[in-house]
Amino acid sequence: MSTPAIQSALNQMQSLATQAAGQAAKGQHVATAVGQGGFASELQSSIQRINRLQQTADAKLKAFQSGDPGVALNDVMVDMQKASVGFQMGVQTRNRLVTAYKDIMNMQV
């Protein structure tokens, strides 16, 4: 998976998190029900964790490629798989959020 594609997906997820925070701020009853640390902050922290996993995997890969004796191939592979699984989880979460948003917007009152 290419870096621009990853960045694009992360930007979309961050945009959704920002929109969710804006929607929560507009309605008093939503803010009361969700509380202070609500869904938007959890989504934002998840995005940040995924980003950290990607950065860690990239750093270990670069260290391994440059010949750092303290970095083993299996560590690089494990970190890359963690980053991949985290990213796929983020993409699936985004897809489900978009689907849920579209379903809610299509509901008739």
N, C-alpha and C. Protein backbone atom coordinates (compact mmCIF):
# COMPACT_ATOMS: atom_id res chain seq x y z
N MET A 1 0.85 -1.17 0.00
CA MET A 1 0.00 0.00 0.00
C MET A 1 0.90 1.23 0.00
N SER A 2 0.57 2.20 -0.81
CA SER A 2 1.43 3.36 -0.96
C SER A 2 1.19 4.39 0.15
N THR A 3 2.20 5.18 0.38
CA THR A 3 2.12 6.21 1.42
C THR A 3 1.03 7.24 1.12
N PRO A 4 0.87 7.73 -0.11
CA PRO A 4 -0.22 8.68 -0.37
C PRO A 4 -1.60 8.08 -0.08
N ALA A 5 -1.78 6.80 -0.36
CA ALA A 5 -3.07 6.17 -0.08
C ALA A 5 -3.32 6.11 1.42
N ILE A 6 -2.28 5.80 2.18
CA ILE A 6 -2.41 5.75 3.64
C ILE A 6 -2.72 7.14 4.17
N GLN A 7 -2.00 8.13 3.70
CA GLN A 7 -2.23 9.51 4.15
C GLN A 7 -3.63 9.96 3.80
N SER A 8 -4.10 9.60 2.61
CA SER A 8 -5.44 9.97 2.20
C SER A 8 -6.48 9.37 3.12
N ALA A 9 -6.32 8.10 3.45
CA ALA A 9 -7.28 7.44 4.35
C ALA A 9 -7.23 8.05 5.74
N LEU A 10 -6.03 8.34 6.24
CA LEU A 10 -5.91 8.97 7.55
C LEU A 10 -6.55 10.37 7.55
N ASN A 11 -6.36 11.11 6.46
CA ASN A 11 -6.97 12.44 6.37
C ASN A 11 -8.48 12.34 6.36
N GLN A 12 -9.03 11.33 5.67
CA GLN A 12 -10.48 11.14 5.66
C GLN A 12 -11.00 10.80 7.05
N MET A 13 -10.27 9.95 7.75
CA MET A 13 -10.69 9.58 9.10
C MET A 13 -10.62 10.79 10.05
N GLN A 14 -9.58 11.59 9.91
CA GLN A 14 -9.47 12.78 10.74
C GLN A 14 -10.58 13.77 10.41
N SER A 15 -10.95 13.87 9.15
CA SER A 15 -12.04 14.74 8.74
C SER A 15 -13.35 14.27 9.36
N LEU A 16 -13.58 12.96 9.34
CA LEU A 16 -14.79 12.41 9.97
C LEU A 16 -14.80 12.68 11.47
N ALA A 17 -13.64 12.55 12.09
CA ALA A 17 -13.56 12.81 13.53
C ALA A 17 -13.86 14.28 13.83
N THR A 18 -13.35 15.17 12.99
CA THR A 18 -13.62 16.59 13.16
C THR A 18 -15.09 16.90 12.97
N GLN A 19 -15.70 16.28 11.96
CA GLN A 19 -17.13 16.48 11.72
C GLN A 19 -17.95 15.95 12.89
N ALA A 20 -17.56 14.80 13.42
CA ALA A 20 -18.28 14.23 14.55
C ALA A 20 -18.18 15.14 15.76
N ALA A 21 -17.00 15.74 15.97
CA ALA A 21 -16.84 16.66 17.09
C ALA A 21 -17.69 17.91 16.89
N GLY A 22 -17.77 18.39 15.64
CA GLY A 22 -18.59 19.56 15.34
C GLY A 22 -20.06 19.28 15.52
N GLN A 23 -20.51 18.11 15.12
CA GLN A 23 -21.92 17.74 15.30
C GLN A 23 -22.26 17.64 16.78
N ALA A 24 -21.35 17.08 17.56
CA ALA A 24 -21.60 16.94 18.99
C ALA A 24 -21.65 18.30 19.67
N ALA A 25 -20.84 19.24 19.19
CA ALA A 25 -20.81 20.56 19.81
C ALA A 25 -22.08 21.34 19.49
N LYS A 26 -22.73 21.06 18.35
CA LYS A 26 -23.93 21.81 17.96
C LYS A 26 -25.13 21.49 18.84
N GLY A 27 -25.25 20.24 19.25
CA GLY A 27 -26.43 19.85 20.02
C GLY A 27 -26.11 19.66 21.49
N GLN A 28 -26.79 20.39 22.34
CA GLN A 28 -26.57 20.29 23.78
C GLN A 28 -26.89 18.88 24.28
N HIS A 29 -28.01 18.31 23.83
CA HIS A 29 -28.40 17.00 24.31
C HIS A 29 -27.42 15.91 23.88
N VAL A 30 -26.78 16.07 22.74
CA VAL A 30 -25.78 15.09 22.30
C VAL A 30 -24.56 15.19 23.19
N ALA A 31 -24.12 16.40 23.50
CA ALA A 31 -22.94 16.59 24.34
C ALA A 31 -23.20 16.05 25.74
N THR A 32 -24.40 16.19 26.23
CA THR A 32 -24.72 15.69 27.56
C THR A 32 -24.72 14.17 27.57
N ALA A 33 -25.28 13.56 26.52
CA ALA A 33 -25.37 12.11 26.47
C ALA A 33 -24.00 11.46 26.29
N VAL A 34 -23.15 12.07 25.48
CA VAL A 34 -21.85 11.48 25.18
C VAL A 34 -20.87 11.75 26.30
N GLY A 35 -20.93 12.92 26.89
CA GLY A 35 -20.00 13.27 27.94
C GLY A 35 -18.79 14.00 27.39
N GLN A 36 -17.84 14.25 28.25
CA GLN A 36 -16.68 15.04 27.85
C GLN A 36 -15.71 14.27 26.95
N GLY A 37 -15.49 13.00 27.22
CA GLY A 37 -14.47 12.27 26.48
C GLY A 37 -15.04 11.46 25.34
N GLY A 38 -16.16 11.76 24.82
CA GLY A 38 -16.98 11.00 23.91
C GLY A 38 -16.33 10.30 22.73
N PHE A 39 -17.17 10.01 21.79
CA PHE A 39 -16.81 9.21 20.62
C PHE A 39 -15.75 9.90 19.78
N ALA A 40 -15.88 11.20 19.59
CA ALA A 40 -14.93 11.92 18.72
C ALA A 40 -13.51 11.84 19.27
N SER A 41 -13.35 11.96 20.57
CA SER A 41 -12.00 11.89 21.13
C SER A 41 -11.44 10.47 21.04
N GLU A 42 -12.30 9.46 21.20
CA GLU A 42 -11.85 8.08 21.04
C GLU A 42 -11.43 7.80 19.61
N LEU A 43 -12.20 8.32 18.67
CA LEU A 43 -11.86 8.14 17.26
C LEU A 43 -10.53 8.83 16.95
N GLN A 44 -10.35 10.02 17.46
CA GLN A 44 -9.11 10.77 17.24
C GLN A 44 -7.91 10.02 17.84
N SER A 45 -8.07 9.48 19.04
CA SER A 45 -6.96 8.76 19.66
C SER A 45 -6.65 7.47 18.90
N SER A 46 -7.67 6.83 18.35
CA SER A 46 -7.44 5.63 17.53
C SER A 46 -6.65 5.98 16.27
N ILE A 47 -7.00 7.09 15.65
CA ILE A 47 -6.27 7.53 14.46
C ILE A 47 -4.81 7.82 14.81
N GLN A 48 -4.60 8.44 15.95
CA GLN A 48 -3.24 8.73 16.38
C GLN A 48 -2.45 7.46 16.66
N ARG A 49 -3.10 6.44 17.26
CA ARG A 49 -2.43 5.17 17.51
C ARG A 49 -2.04 4.50 16.19
N ILE A 50 -2.93 4.52 15.22
CA ILE A 50 -2.63 3.95 13.91
C ILE A 50 -1.45 4.68 13.27
N ASN A 51 -1.44 5.99 13.39
CA ASN A 51 -0.34 6.78 12.83
C ASN A 51 0.98 6.44 13.52
N ARG A 52 0.95 6.28 14.84
CA ARG A 52 2.18 5.92 15.56
C ARG A 52 2.68 4.55 15.13
N LEU A 53 1.77 3.59 14.93
CA LEU A 53 2.17 2.27 14.45
C LEU A 53 2.84 2.37 13.08
N GLN A 54 2.28 3.19 12.20
CA GLN A 54 2.86 3.37 10.87
C GLN A 54 4.25 4.00 10.97
N GLN A 55 4.39 5.00 11.81
CA GLN A 55 5.68 5.68 11.96
C GLN A 55 6.73 4.75 12.56
N THR A 56 6.34 3.94 13.53
CA THR A 56 7.26 2.99 14.15
C THR A 56 7.73 1.97 13.12
N ALA A 57 6.79 1.44 12.34
CA ALA A 57 7.15 0.45 11.32
C ALA A 57 8.08 1.07 10.28
N ASP A 58 7.79 2.30 9.87
CA ASP A 58 8.66 2.96 8.88
C ASP A 58 10.06 3.20 9.44
N ALA A 59 10.13 3.62 10.71
CA ALA A 59 11.43 3.89 11.32
C ALA A 59 12.26 2.60 11.42
N LYS A 60 11.61 1.50 11.83
CA LYS A 60 12.35 0.24 11.93
C LYS A 60 12.77 -0.26 10.56
N LEU A 61 11.93 -0.08 9.57
CA LEU A 61 12.27 -0.51 8.22
C LEU A 61 13.48 0.27 7.70
N LYS A 62 13.48 1.58 7.92
CA LYS A 62 14.61 2.40 7.47
C LYS A 62 15.89 2.02 8.21
N ALA A 63 15.76 1.75 9.52
CA ALA A 63 16.94 1.34 10.29
C ALA A 63 17.48 0.01 9.79
N PHE A 64 16.59 -0.92 9.49
CA PHE A 64 17.03 -2.22 8.98
C PHE A 64 17.69 -2.08 7.61
N GLN A 65 17.10 -1.24 6.76
CA GLN A 65 17.66 -1.04 5.42
C GLN A 65 19.02 -0.36 5.48
N SER A 66 19.24 0.48 6.48
CA SER A 66 20.52 1.15 6.58
C SER A 66 21.58 0.28 7.25
N GLY A 67 21.17 -0.92 7.72
CA GLY A 67 22.14 -1.85 8.28
C GLY A 67 22.35 -1.74 9.76
N ASP A 68 21.43 -1.18 10.48
CA ASP A 68 21.53 -1.08 11.94
C ASP A 68 21.56 -2.48 12.55
N PRO A 69 22.63 -2.83 13.28
CA PRO A 69 22.73 -4.20 13.81
C PRO A 69 21.72 -4.49 14.93
N GLY A 70 21.12 -3.49 15.52
CA GLY A 70 20.17 -3.68 16.61
C GLY A 70 18.75 -3.96 16.15
N VAL A 71 18.53 -3.97 14.84
CA VAL A 71 17.18 -4.18 14.31
C VAL A 71 17.16 -5.50 13.54
N ALA A 72 16.34 -6.43 14.01
CA ALA A 72 16.23 -7.73 13.36
C ALA A 72 15.08 -7.72 12.35
N LEU A 73 15.19 -8.55 11.35
CA LEU A 73 14.17 -8.63 10.31
C LEU A 73 12.81 -9.01 10.88
N ASN A 74 12.79 -9.94 11.83
CA ASN A 74 11.50 -10.35 12.40
C ASN A 74 10.82 -9.20 13.14
N ASP A 75 11.58 -8.32 13.77
CA ASP A 75 10.99 -7.16 14.44
C ASP A 75 10.36 -6.21 13.42
N VAL A 76 11.06 -6.04 12.31
CA VAL A 76 10.55 -5.17 11.24
C VAL A 76 9.25 -5.75 10.69
N MET A 77 9.24 -7.05 10.44
CA MET A 77 8.05 -7.69 9.88
C MET A 77 6.87 -7.63 10.84
N VAL A 78 7.12 -7.84 12.12
CA VAL A 78 6.04 -7.78 13.12
C VAL A 78 5.47 -6.37 13.19
N ASP A 79 6.34 -5.37 13.22
CA ASP A 79 5.86 -3.99 13.29
C ASP A 79 5.09 -3.61 12.03
N MET A 80 5.54 -4.09 10.88
CA MET A 80 4.82 -3.79 9.65
C MET A 80 3.44 -4.46 9.64
N GLN A 81 3.35 -5.66 10.18
CA GLN A 81 2.05 -6.34 10.25
C GLN A 81 1.12 -5.66 11.24
N LYS A 82 1.67 -5.20 12.36
CA LYS A 82 0.85 -4.45 13.33
C LYS A 82 0.29 -3.19 12.68
N ALA A 83 1.13 -2.49 11.95
CA ALA A 83 0.69 -1.27 11.27
C ALA A 83 -0.36 -1.58 10.22
N SER A 84 -0.16 -2.68 9.49
CA SER A 84 -1.11 -3.07 8.45
C SER A 84 -2.47 -3.43 9.05
N VAL A 85 -2.45 -4.22 10.11
CA VAL A 85 -3.71 -4.61 10.76
C VAL A 85 -4.41 -3.39 11.35
N GLY A 86 -3.65 -2.51 11.98
CA GLY A 86 -4.23 -1.28 12.53
C GLY A 86 -4.86 -0.41 11.45
N PHE A 87 -4.16 -0.30 10.33
CA PHE A 87 -4.68 0.51 9.23
C PHE A 87 -5.95 -0.10 8.65
N GLN A 88 -5.94 -1.42 8.46
CA GLN A 88 -7.13 -2.09 7.93
C GLN A 88 -8.31 -1.94 8.88
N MET A 89 -8.05 -2.01 10.18
CA MET A 89 -9.11 -1.79 11.16
C MET A 89 -9.65 -0.37 11.05
N GLY A 90 -8.77 0.57 10.86
CA GLY A 90 -9.20 1.96 10.70
C GLY A 90 -10.03 2.16 9.44
N VAL A 91 -9.63 1.53 8.36
CA VAL A 91 -10.39 1.64 7.10
C VAL A 91 -11.77 1.02 7.26
N GLN A 92 -11.83 -0.15 7.90
CA GLN A 92 -13.13 -0.80 8.10
C GLN A 92 -14.02 0.03 9.01
N THR A 93 -13.43 0.63 10.04
CA THR A 93 -14.21 1.50 10.93
C THR A 93 -14.75 2.69 10.17
N ARG A 94 -13.89 3.30 9.35
CA ARG A 94 -14.34 4.43 8.54
C ARG A 94 -15.47 4.02 7.61
N ASN A 95 -15.33 2.88 6.95
CA ASN A 95 -16.37 2.41 6.04
C ASN A 95 -17.70 2.20 6.76
N ARG A 96 -17.64 1.64 7.94
CA ARG A 96 -18.88 1.41 8.70
C ARG A 96 -19.48 2.71 9.19
N LEU A 97 -18.63 3.65 9.56
CA LEU A 97 -19.14 4.96 9.98
C LEU A 97 -19.82 5.68 8.82
N VAL A 98 -19.22 5.62 7.66
CA VAL A 98 -19.81 6.26 6.49
C VAL A 98 -21.14 5.60 6.15
N THR A 99 -21.19 4.28 6.20
CA THR A 99 -22.43 3.57 5.93
C THR A 99 -23.51 3.94 6.95
N ALA A 100 -23.13 3.99 8.22
CA ALA A 100 -24.10 4.36 9.26
C ALA A 100 -24.58 5.79 9.06
N TYR A 101 -23.67 6.69 8.72
CA TYR A 101 -24.04 8.09 8.48
C TYR A 101 -25.03 8.19 7.32
N LYS A 102 -24.74 7.46 6.24
CA LYS A 102 -25.64 7.49 5.08
C LYS A 102 -27.00 6.90 5.44
N ASP A 103 -27.02 5.82 6.22
CA ASP A 103 -28.29 5.24 6.64
C ASP A 103 -29.10 6.21 7.47
N ILE A 104 -28.45 6.91 8.37
CA ILE A 104 -29.15 7.89 9.21
C ILE A 104 -29.66 9.04 8.37
N MET A 105 -28.86 9.51 7.42
CA MET A 105 -29.28 10.63 6.57
C MET A 105 -30.44 10.23 5.66
N ASN A 106 -30.58 8.95 5.33
CA ASN A 106 -31.66 8.49 4.47
C ASN A 106 -32.94 8.16 5.24
N MET A 107 -32.87 8.21 6.55
CA MET A 107 -34.08 7.93 7.36
C MET A 107 -35.09 9.05 7.18
N GLN A 108 -36.34 8.67 7.13
CA GLN A 108 -37.39 9.67 7.05
C GLN A 108 -38.00 9.84 8.44
N VAL A 109 -38.18 11.09 8.78
CA VAL A 109 -38.72 11.40 10.11
C VAL A 109 -40.21 11.50 10.07
